[in-house]
N, C-alpha and C. Protein backbone atom coordinates (compact mmCIF):
# COMPACT_ATOMS: atom_id res chain seq x y z
N UNK A 1 233.69 226.99 64.42
CA UNK A 1 232.86 225.84 64.11
C UNK A 1 232.70 224.92 65.31
N UNK A 2 233.76 224.73 66.07
CA UNK A 2 233.71 223.85 67.23
C UNK A 2 232.75 224.41 68.29
N UNK A 3 232.75 225.72 68.48
CA UNK A 3 231.85 226.30 69.48
C UNK A 3 230.39 226.16 69.06
N UNK A 4 230.11 226.28 67.77
CA UNK A 4 228.74 226.09 67.29
C UNK A 4 228.32 224.64 67.51
N UNK A 5 229.22 223.72 67.23
CA UNK A 5 228.92 222.30 67.44
C UNK A 5 228.67 222.01 68.92
N UNK A 6 229.54 222.54 69.77
CA UNK A 6 229.36 222.36 71.22
C UNK A 6 228.01 222.91 71.65
N UNK A 7 227.67 224.09 71.19
CA UNK A 7 226.41 224.72 71.57
C UNK A 7 225.22 223.91 71.09
N UNK A 8 225.27 223.43 69.87
CA UNK A 8 224.15 222.64 69.34
C UNK A 8 224.01 221.30 70.06
N UNK A 9 225.13 220.69 70.41
CA UNK A 9 225.07 219.44 71.18
C UNK A 9 224.48 219.73 72.56
N UNK A 10 224.90 220.81 73.18
CA UNK A 10 224.36 221.20 74.49
C UNK A 10 222.86 221.43 74.40
N UNK A 11 222.42 222.11 73.36
CA UNK A 11 220.98 222.35 73.17
C UNK A 11 220.23 221.04 72.96
N UNK A 12 220.84 220.14 72.22
CA UNK A 12 220.22 218.84 71.96
C UNK A 12 220.06 218.04 73.26
N UNK A 13 221.07 218.06 74.10
CA UNK A 13 221.00 217.37 75.39
C UNK A 13 219.93 218.01 76.27
N UNK A 14 219.91 219.33 76.28
CA UNK A 14 218.91 220.05 77.06
C UNK A 14 217.50 219.70 76.57
N UNK A 15 217.34 219.62 75.28
CA UNK A 15 216.04 219.29 74.69
C UNK A 15 215.64 217.86 75.08
N UNK A 16 216.59 216.95 75.04
CA UNK A 16 216.32 215.56 75.43
C UNK A 16 215.91 215.50 76.90
N UNK A 17 216.60 216.25 77.75
CA UNK A 17 216.25 216.30 79.17
C UNK A 17 214.84 216.84 79.37
N UNK A 18 214.48 217.85 78.61
CA UNK A 18 213.14 218.43 78.71
C UNK A 18 212.09 217.40 78.29
N UNK A 19 212.36 216.67 77.23
CA UNK A 19 211.41 215.64 76.78
C UNK A 19 211.28 214.53 77.82
N UNK A 20 212.39 214.13 78.41
CA UNK A 20 212.35 213.10 79.47
C UNK A 20 211.59 213.60 80.68
N UNK A 21 211.81 214.86 81.04
CA UNK A 21 211.09 215.45 82.16
C UNK A 21 209.60 215.53 81.89
N UNK A 22 209.24 215.89 80.67
CA UNK A 22 207.84 215.95 80.28
C UNK A 22 207.21 214.56 80.36
N UNK A 23 207.92 213.57 79.88
CA UNK A 23 207.43 212.19 79.94
C UNK A 23 207.21 211.76 81.39
N UNK A 24 208.14 212.12 82.27
CA UNK A 24 208.01 211.78 83.69
C UNK A 24 206.78 212.47 84.29
N UNK A 25 206.54 213.71 83.90
CA UNK A 25 205.35 214.42 84.39
C UNK A 25 204.06 213.74 83.91
N UNK A 26 204.04 213.37 82.65
CA UNK A 26 202.86 212.71 82.12
C UNK A 26 202.60 211.39 82.84
N UNK A 27 203.67 210.67 83.13
CA UNK A 27 203.54 209.41 83.86
C UNK A 27 203.03 209.65 85.27
N UNK A 28 203.55 210.68 85.93
CA UNK A 28 203.10 211.03 87.28
C UNK A 28 201.61 211.34 87.28
N UNK A 29 201.18 212.13 86.32
CA UNK A 29 199.76 212.50 86.24
C UNK A 29 198.92 211.25 86.01
N UNK A 30 199.35 210.41 85.11
CA UNK A 30 198.61 209.19 84.80
C UNK A 30 198.55 208.25 85.99
N UNK A 31 199.68 208.05 86.66
CA UNK A 31 199.74 207.09 87.77
C UNK A 31 199.12 207.60 89.06
N UNK A 32 199.19 208.89 89.31
CA UNK A 32 198.79 209.40 90.62
C UNK A 32 197.50 210.20 90.62
N UNK A 33 197.19 210.87 89.57
CA UNK A 33 195.98 211.69 89.57
C UNK A 33 194.87 211.03 88.77
N UNK A 34 195.18 210.61 87.58
CA UNK A 34 194.18 210.05 86.68
C UNK A 34 193.69 208.68 87.13
N UNK A 35 194.59 207.83 87.57
CA UNK A 35 194.20 206.45 87.84
C UNK A 35 193.76 206.19 89.29
N UNK A 36 193.95 207.14 90.17
CA UNK A 36 193.55 206.94 91.56
C UNK A 36 192.03 206.87 91.65
N UNK A 37 191.55 205.98 92.50
CA UNK A 37 190.10 205.82 92.66
C UNK A 37 189.47 207.14 93.11
N UNK A 38 190.09 207.81 94.03
CA UNK A 38 189.62 209.11 94.51
C UNK A 38 190.83 209.94 94.90
N UNK A 39 191.47 210.60 93.90
CA UNK A 39 192.65 211.40 94.24
C UNK A 39 192.28 212.53 95.19
N UNK A 40 193.16 212.78 96.13
CA UNK A 40 192.88 213.86 97.07
C UNK A 40 193.56 215.14 96.60
N UNK A 41 193.26 216.20 97.29
CA UNK A 41 193.76 217.51 96.92
C UNK A 41 195.29 217.55 96.97
N UNK A 42 195.91 216.82 97.87
CA UNK A 42 197.37 216.82 97.99
C UNK A 42 198.01 216.24 96.72
N UNK A 43 197.46 215.15 96.24
CA UNK A 43 197.99 214.52 95.01
C UNK A 43 197.84 215.47 93.83
N UNK A 44 196.69 216.08 93.71
CA UNK A 44 196.44 217.00 92.61
C UNK A 44 197.32 218.24 92.71
N UNK A 45 197.45 218.80 93.92
CA UNK A 45 198.32 219.96 94.10
C UNK A 45 199.77 219.61 93.81
N UNK A 46 200.20 218.42 94.19
CA UNK A 46 201.56 217.98 93.90
C UNK A 46 201.78 217.93 92.40
N UNK A 47 200.83 217.38 91.67
CA UNK A 47 200.94 217.31 90.21
C UNK A 47 201.03 218.71 89.60
N UNK A 48 200.20 219.61 90.08
CA UNK A 48 200.20 220.98 89.56
C UNK A 48 201.50 221.68 89.93
N UNK A 49 202.00 221.47 91.14
CA UNK A 49 203.29 222.05 91.53
C UNK A 49 204.42 221.52 90.66
N UNK A 50 204.39 220.24 90.33
CA UNK A 50 205.41 219.67 89.45
C UNK A 50 205.34 220.31 88.06
N UNK A 51 204.14 220.53 87.58
CA UNK A 51 203.98 221.19 86.29
C UNK A 51 204.53 222.61 86.35
N UNK A 52 204.24 223.32 87.42
CA UNK A 52 204.73 224.70 87.57
C UNK A 52 206.24 224.74 87.66
N UNK A 53 206.83 223.84 88.44
CA UNK A 53 208.29 223.78 88.54
C UNK A 53 208.92 223.47 87.19
N UNK A 54 208.29 222.56 86.47
CA UNK A 54 208.84 222.19 85.16
C UNK A 54 208.71 223.35 84.18
N UNK A 55 207.63 224.10 84.28
CA UNK A 55 207.47 225.27 83.43
C UNK A 55 208.59 226.28 83.70
N UNK A 56 208.90 226.49 84.98
CA UNK A 56 210.01 227.38 85.34
C UNK A 56 211.33 226.87 84.79
N UNK A 57 211.55 225.57 84.91
CA UNK A 57 212.76 224.96 84.35
C UNK A 57 212.83 225.23 82.84
N UNK A 58 211.72 225.02 82.15
CA UNK A 58 211.71 225.22 80.69
C UNK A 58 212.07 226.64 80.31
N UNK A 59 211.60 227.60 81.09
CA UNK A 59 211.89 229.00 80.78
C UNK A 59 213.30 229.42 81.18
N UNK A 60 214.01 228.58 81.90
CA UNK A 60 215.38 228.91 82.28
C UNK A 60 216.41 228.12 81.47
N UNK A 61 215.94 227.41 80.45
CA UNK A 61 216.87 226.65 79.61
C UNK A 61 217.66 227.57 78.69
N UNK A 62 218.75 227.06 78.22
CA UNK A 62 219.68 227.83 77.38
C UNK A 62 219.03 228.32 76.09
N UNK A 63 218.15 227.53 75.53
CA UNK A 63 217.50 227.94 74.29
C UNK A 63 216.73 229.25 74.50
N UNK A 64 216.07 229.37 75.63
CA UNK A 64 215.31 230.60 75.90
C UNK A 64 216.19 231.75 76.35
N UNK A 65 217.21 231.43 77.14
CA UNK A 65 218.04 232.49 77.71
C UNK A 65 219.06 233.06 76.73
N UNK A 66 219.59 232.23 75.83
CA UNK A 66 220.69 232.67 74.98
C UNK A 66 220.42 232.56 73.48
N UNK A 67 219.83 231.47 73.05
CA UNK A 67 219.69 231.25 71.61
C UNK A 67 218.58 232.10 71.02
N UNK A 68 217.43 232.15 71.66
CA UNK A 68 216.33 232.96 71.12
C UNK A 68 216.73 234.43 71.03
N UNK A 69 217.35 235.02 72.06
CA UNK A 69 217.79 236.41 71.90
C UNK A 69 218.81 236.59 70.76
N UNK A 70 219.70 235.63 70.58
CA UNK A 70 220.68 235.72 69.48
C UNK A 70 219.99 235.64 68.12
N UNK A 71 219.00 234.80 68.00
CA UNK A 71 218.25 234.69 66.75
C UNK A 71 217.49 235.99 66.49
N UNK A 72 216.89 236.55 67.52
CA UNK A 72 216.15 237.82 67.36
C UNK A 72 217.07 238.92 66.83
N UNK A 73 218.32 238.94 67.32
CA UNK A 73 219.28 239.95 66.87
C UNK A 73 219.75 239.70 65.44
N UNK A 74 219.81 238.42 65.06
CA UNK A 74 220.41 238.06 63.78
C UNK A 74 219.45 238.15 62.59
N UNK A 75 218.16 237.89 62.83
CA UNK A 75 217.24 237.82 61.69
C UNK A 75 215.80 238.04 62.12
N UNK A 76 215.01 238.47 61.16
CA UNK A 76 213.56 238.58 61.37
C UNK A 76 212.86 237.36 60.78
N UNK A 77 213.62 236.52 60.11
CA UNK A 77 213.09 235.31 59.49
C UNK A 77 212.35 234.42 60.50
N UNK A 78 212.83 234.40 61.73
CA UNK A 78 212.27 233.52 62.75
C UNK A 78 211.11 234.15 63.51
N UNK A 79 210.74 235.37 63.19
CA UNK A 79 209.70 236.07 63.95
C UNK A 79 208.38 235.29 64.04
N UNK A 80 207.87 234.70 62.95
CA UNK A 80 206.61 233.93 63.09
C UNK A 80 206.76 232.73 64.03
N UNK A 81 207.88 232.04 63.94
CA UNK A 81 208.12 230.89 64.81
C UNK A 81 208.27 231.34 66.27
N UNK A 82 208.98 232.44 66.48
CA UNK A 82 209.15 232.97 67.84
C UNK A 82 207.81 233.44 68.41
N UNK A 83 206.97 234.02 67.57
CA UNK A 83 205.63 234.43 68.02
C UNK A 83 204.80 233.21 68.40
N UNK A 84 204.95 232.14 67.65
CA UNK A 84 204.23 230.91 67.98
C UNK A 84 204.72 230.33 69.30
N UNK A 85 206.03 230.37 69.53
CA UNK A 85 206.58 229.91 70.80
C UNK A 85 206.06 230.74 71.97
N UNK A 86 206.00 232.05 71.77
CA UNK A 86 205.47 232.93 72.82
C UNK A 86 204.00 232.62 73.09
N UNK A 87 203.26 232.35 72.04
CA UNK A 87 201.84 232.01 72.19
C UNK A 87 201.68 230.70 72.96
N UNK A 88 202.49 229.71 72.63
CA UNK A 88 202.43 228.44 73.35
C UNK A 88 202.82 228.61 74.82
N UNK A 89 203.82 229.44 75.07
CA UNK A 89 204.23 229.71 76.46
C UNK A 89 203.11 230.39 77.23
N UNK A 90 202.48 231.38 76.59
CA UNK A 90 201.38 232.08 77.23
C UNK A 90 200.21 231.13 77.51
N UNK A 91 199.92 230.30 76.54
CA UNK A 91 198.83 229.33 76.71
C UNK A 91 199.14 228.39 77.88
N UNK A 92 200.39 227.93 77.97
CA UNK A 92 200.78 227.06 79.08
C UNK A 92 200.60 227.75 80.42
N UNK A 93 201.00 229.01 80.50
CA UNK A 93 200.84 229.76 81.75
C UNK A 93 199.36 229.94 82.11
N UNK A 94 198.54 230.16 81.12
CA UNK A 94 197.09 230.29 81.38
C UNK A 94 196.51 228.97 81.90
N UNK A 95 196.93 227.87 81.31
CA UNK A 95 196.46 226.56 81.77
C UNK A 95 196.90 226.33 83.21
N UNK A 96 198.16 226.64 83.51
CA UNK A 96 198.66 226.47 84.88
C UNK A 96 197.86 227.34 85.86
N UNK A 97 197.57 228.57 85.45
CA UNK A 97 196.79 229.45 86.31
C UNK A 97 195.41 228.89 86.61
N UNK A 98 194.75 228.37 85.59
CA UNK A 98 193.41 227.81 85.82
C UNK A 98 193.49 226.53 86.65
N UNK A 99 194.57 225.77 86.50
CA UNK A 99 194.74 224.58 87.33
C UNK A 99 194.88 224.95 88.80
N UNK A 100 195.69 225.96 89.07
CA UNK A 100 195.89 226.39 90.46
C UNK A 100 194.58 226.85 91.10
N UNK A 101 193.79 227.56 90.32
CA UNK A 101 192.52 228.07 90.84
C UNK A 101 191.51 226.93 91.02
N UNK A 102 191.50 225.99 90.12
CA UNK A 102 190.47 224.96 90.13
C UNK A 102 190.73 223.74 90.98
N UNK A 103 191.94 223.58 91.50
CA UNK A 103 192.27 222.33 92.18
C UNK A 103 191.43 222.08 93.42
N UNK A 104 191.27 223.05 94.25
CA UNK A 104 190.53 222.84 95.52
C UNK A 104 189.04 222.57 95.26
N UNK A 105 188.46 223.32 94.35
CA UNK A 105 187.04 223.12 94.08
C UNK A 105 186.77 221.81 93.35
N UNK A 106 187.72 221.33 92.57
CA UNK A 106 187.52 220.09 91.82
C UNK A 106 187.32 218.90 92.76
N UNK A 107 188.10 218.86 93.83
CA UNK A 107 187.99 217.73 94.75
C UNK A 107 186.62 217.69 95.39
N UNK A 108 186.09 218.82 95.74
CA UNK A 108 184.77 218.87 96.38
C UNK A 108 183.61 218.64 95.43
N UNK A 109 183.85 218.73 94.12
CA UNK A 109 182.76 218.63 93.15
C UNK A 109 182.67 217.27 92.48
N UNK A 110 183.48 216.33 92.88
CA UNK A 110 183.33 214.97 92.38
C UNK A 110 184.27 214.59 91.26
N UNK A 111 184.10 213.37 90.83
CA UNK A 111 185.00 212.73 89.87
C UNK A 111 185.02 213.46 88.52
N UNK A 112 183.89 213.97 88.09
CA UNK A 112 183.83 214.64 86.79
C UNK A 112 184.75 215.87 86.76
N UNK A 113 184.73 216.65 87.83
CA UNK A 113 185.59 217.83 87.91
C UNK A 113 187.06 217.42 88.01
N UNK A 114 187.35 216.34 88.70
CA UNK A 114 188.72 215.85 88.79
C UNK A 114 189.20 215.41 87.41
N UNK A 115 188.32 214.76 86.65
CA UNK A 115 188.65 214.35 85.28
C UNK A 115 188.97 215.57 84.42
N UNK A 116 188.18 216.64 84.59
CA UNK A 116 188.44 217.88 83.85
C UNK A 116 189.80 218.46 84.23
N UNK A 117 190.11 218.43 85.51
CA UNK A 117 191.39 218.92 85.99
C UNK A 117 192.54 218.11 85.39
N UNK A 118 192.39 216.78 85.40
CA UNK A 118 193.42 215.92 84.81
C UNK A 118 193.55 216.16 83.31
N UNK A 119 192.43 216.37 82.64
CA UNK A 119 192.46 216.68 81.20
C UNK A 119 193.20 217.98 80.96
N UNK A 120 193.03 218.96 81.85
CA UNK A 120 193.75 220.23 81.71
C UNK A 120 195.25 220.03 81.93
N UNK A 121 195.61 219.15 82.87
CA UNK A 121 197.03 218.85 83.07
C UNK A 121 197.61 218.21 81.81
N UNK A 122 196.86 217.31 81.23
CA UNK A 122 197.32 216.67 80.00
C UNK A 122 197.38 217.67 78.84
N UNK A 123 196.46 218.60 78.81
CA UNK A 123 196.48 219.66 77.81
C UNK A 123 197.75 220.51 77.95
N UNK A 124 198.10 220.83 79.20
CA UNK A 124 199.34 221.55 79.45
C UNK A 124 200.53 220.77 78.88
N UNK A 125 200.59 219.47 79.15
CA UNK A 125 201.70 218.64 78.66
C UNK A 125 201.74 218.61 77.13
N UNK A 126 200.58 218.51 76.51
CA UNK A 126 200.52 218.51 75.04
C UNK A 126 201.00 219.86 74.49
N UNK A 127 200.60 220.93 75.14
CA UNK A 127 201.03 222.26 74.74
C UNK A 127 202.55 222.40 74.86
N UNK A 128 203.09 221.90 75.96
CA UNK A 128 204.53 221.96 76.16
C UNK A 128 205.26 221.11 75.12
N UNK A 129 204.71 219.96 74.79
CA UNK A 129 205.32 219.13 73.75
C UNK A 129 205.37 219.89 72.42
N UNK A 130 204.29 220.58 72.08
CA UNK A 130 204.28 221.39 70.85
C UNK A 130 205.38 222.44 70.89
N UNK A 131 205.55 223.05 72.05
CA UNK A 131 206.58 224.08 72.20
C UNK A 131 207.97 223.49 72.00
N UNK A 132 208.22 222.30 72.55
CA UNK A 132 209.52 221.66 72.37
C UNK A 132 209.79 221.34 70.90
N UNK A 133 208.77 220.89 70.20
CA UNK A 133 208.91 220.61 68.77
C UNK A 133 209.25 221.88 67.99
N UNK A 134 208.56 222.96 68.30
CA UNK A 134 208.82 224.23 67.62
C UNK A 134 210.21 224.76 67.94
N UNK A 135 210.68 224.55 69.17
CA UNK A 135 212.03 224.98 69.52
C UNK A 135 213.07 224.29 68.66
N UNK A 136 212.83 223.03 68.36
CA UNK A 136 213.77 222.29 67.53
C UNK A 136 213.87 222.89 66.13
N UNK A 137 212.79 223.47 65.65
CA UNK A 137 212.82 224.15 64.36
C UNK A 137 213.77 225.35 64.41
N UNK A 138 213.89 225.94 65.59
CA UNK A 138 214.80 227.09 65.74
C UNK A 138 216.27 226.70 65.52
N UNK A 139 216.60 225.47 65.87
CA UNK A 139 218.00 225.05 65.76
C UNK A 139 218.50 225.15 64.31
N UNK A 140 217.65 224.80 63.34
CA UNK A 140 218.04 224.91 61.93
C UNK A 140 218.27 226.37 61.54
N UNK A 141 217.39 227.22 62.01
CA UNK A 141 217.54 228.65 61.72
C UNK A 141 218.79 229.18 62.40
N UNK A 142 218.99 228.79 63.65
CA UNK A 142 220.17 229.26 64.41
C UNK A 142 221.47 228.89 63.70
N UNK A 143 221.55 227.69 63.19
CA UNK A 143 222.76 227.25 62.49
C UNK A 143 223.08 228.16 61.31
N UNK A 144 222.05 228.64 60.65
CA UNK A 144 222.25 229.47 59.46
C UNK A 144 222.53 230.93 59.78
N UNK A 145 221.89 231.47 60.82
CA UNK A 145 221.91 232.93 60.98
C UNK A 145 222.83 233.44 62.08
N UNK A 146 223.23 232.59 62.99
CA UNK A 146 224.10 233.05 64.08
C UNK A 146 225.55 232.94 63.62
N UNK A 147 226.28 234.03 63.76
CA UNK A 147 227.68 234.06 63.30
C UNK A 147 228.57 233.24 64.24
N UNK A 148 229.76 232.91 63.76
CA UNK A 148 230.73 232.15 64.57
C UNK A 148 231.11 232.93 65.83
N UNK A 149 231.24 234.24 65.72
CA UNK A 149 231.53 235.04 66.91
C UNK A 149 230.40 234.95 67.93
N UNK A 150 229.17 234.98 67.45
CA UNK A 150 228.03 234.86 68.36
C UNK A 150 228.00 233.47 69.00
N UNK A 151 228.30 232.41 68.20
CA UNK A 151 228.33 231.06 68.74
C UNK A 151 229.39 230.94 69.83
N UNK A 152 230.52 231.59 69.63
CA UNK A 152 231.57 231.57 70.65
C UNK A 152 231.05 232.20 71.93
N UNK A 153 230.38 233.32 71.81
CA UNK A 153 229.82 234.00 72.97
C UNK A 153 228.73 233.14 73.64
N UNK A 154 227.91 232.50 72.83
CA UNK A 154 226.85 231.64 73.37
C UNK A 154 227.46 230.45 74.11
N UNK A 155 228.50 229.85 73.53
CA UNK A 155 229.16 228.72 74.18
C UNK A 155 229.76 229.15 75.52
N UNK A 156 230.34 230.33 75.56
CA UNK A 156 230.89 230.84 76.82
C UNK A 156 229.77 231.05 77.84
N UNK A 157 228.63 231.55 77.39
CA UNK A 157 227.48 231.72 78.27
C UNK A 157 226.98 230.37 78.79
N UNK A 158 226.97 229.37 77.92
CA UNK A 158 226.55 228.04 78.33
C UNK A 158 227.45 227.51 79.44
N UNK A 159 228.76 227.63 79.23
CA UNK A 159 229.71 227.14 80.24
C UNK A 159 229.53 227.88 81.56
N UNK A 160 229.36 229.17 81.49
CA UNK A 160 229.16 229.98 82.69
C UNK A 160 227.86 229.58 83.38
N UNK A 161 226.82 229.38 82.60
CA UNK A 161 225.52 228.98 83.14
C UNK A 161 225.62 227.61 83.81
N UNK A 162 226.32 226.67 83.18
CA UNK A 162 226.49 225.34 83.76
C UNK A 162 227.24 225.42 85.09
N UNK A 163 228.27 226.23 85.13
CA UNK A 163 229.05 226.37 86.37
C UNK A 163 228.19 226.98 87.48
N UNK A 164 227.34 227.91 87.14
CA UNK A 164 226.49 228.55 88.14
C UNK A 164 225.39 227.61 88.64
N UNK A 165 224.92 226.70 87.80
CA UNK A 165 223.82 225.81 88.16
C UNK A 165 224.27 224.59 88.96
N UNK A 166 225.49 224.16 88.81
CA UNK A 166 225.92 222.91 89.45
C UNK A 166 225.67 222.87 90.94
N UNK A 167 225.98 223.89 91.71
CA UNK A 167 225.72 223.79 93.15
C UNK A 167 224.24 223.63 93.49
N UNK A 168 223.37 224.10 92.60
CA UNK A 168 221.94 224.09 92.89
C UNK A 168 221.23 222.84 92.39
N UNK A 169 221.75 222.21 91.37
CA UNK A 169 221.03 221.11 90.74
C UNK A 169 221.88 219.86 90.60
N UNK A 170 222.89 219.70 91.38
CA UNK A 170 223.70 218.49 91.32
C UNK A 170 224.75 218.55 90.24
N UNK A 171 225.50 217.50 90.13
CA UNK A 171 226.65 217.46 89.21
C UNK A 171 226.23 217.55 87.76
N UNK A 172 225.03 217.11 87.43
CA UNK A 172 224.63 217.12 86.01
C UNK A 172 224.08 218.46 85.58
N UNK A 173 223.67 219.30 86.52
CA UNK A 173 223.07 220.57 86.16
C UNK A 173 221.63 220.43 85.72
N UNK A 174 221.05 219.22 85.82
CA UNK A 174 219.69 218.96 85.36
C UNK A 174 218.70 219.20 86.47
N UNK A 175 217.54 219.61 86.08
CA UNK A 175 216.42 219.71 87.01
C UNK A 175 215.26 218.98 86.36
N UNK A 176 215.08 217.76 86.79
CA UNK A 176 213.99 216.96 86.27
C UNK A 176 213.01 216.66 87.39
N UNK A 177 211.75 216.54 87.05
CA UNK A 177 210.77 216.23 88.09
C UNK A 177 211.05 214.87 88.71
N UNK A 178 210.80 214.76 89.97
CA UNK A 178 211.06 213.47 90.62
C UNK A 178 210.02 213.07 91.58
């Protein structure tokens, strides 16, 4: 029971960090790309790079690396929710791809194209927010279907993962956009 509690608290903290990171990204986009009189390609590319880095961070979180595989092994009950998460992830990657392709041409085509680019960045953030909400639905399923032995193994994986990340991401193990 203690290992399940530890794991769920760890997931909750990770989820909170992801939400804070998403909020910081949205603020960056609003302050630097959307509100600038004439944002340049460097500002827009920086925003897109931050989105890409954050996407990578999201895919390396414990929920994706350990909990989702454990749920897949334990039950088929979560299959529709997992398919929705995969769809949201795919959609996010498609948005990022179109942002990377469109950034250089947007600057040369005027304010309207830049607005479209910023709207796509905001669409990516909204998509990611939906994904975070859906992930939280997994926690209820995980509590019911993952056995105590599996929770023990997951908790051990979490600890191992935290130890491996510390040298790369500071003492907290967090990677938030800055």
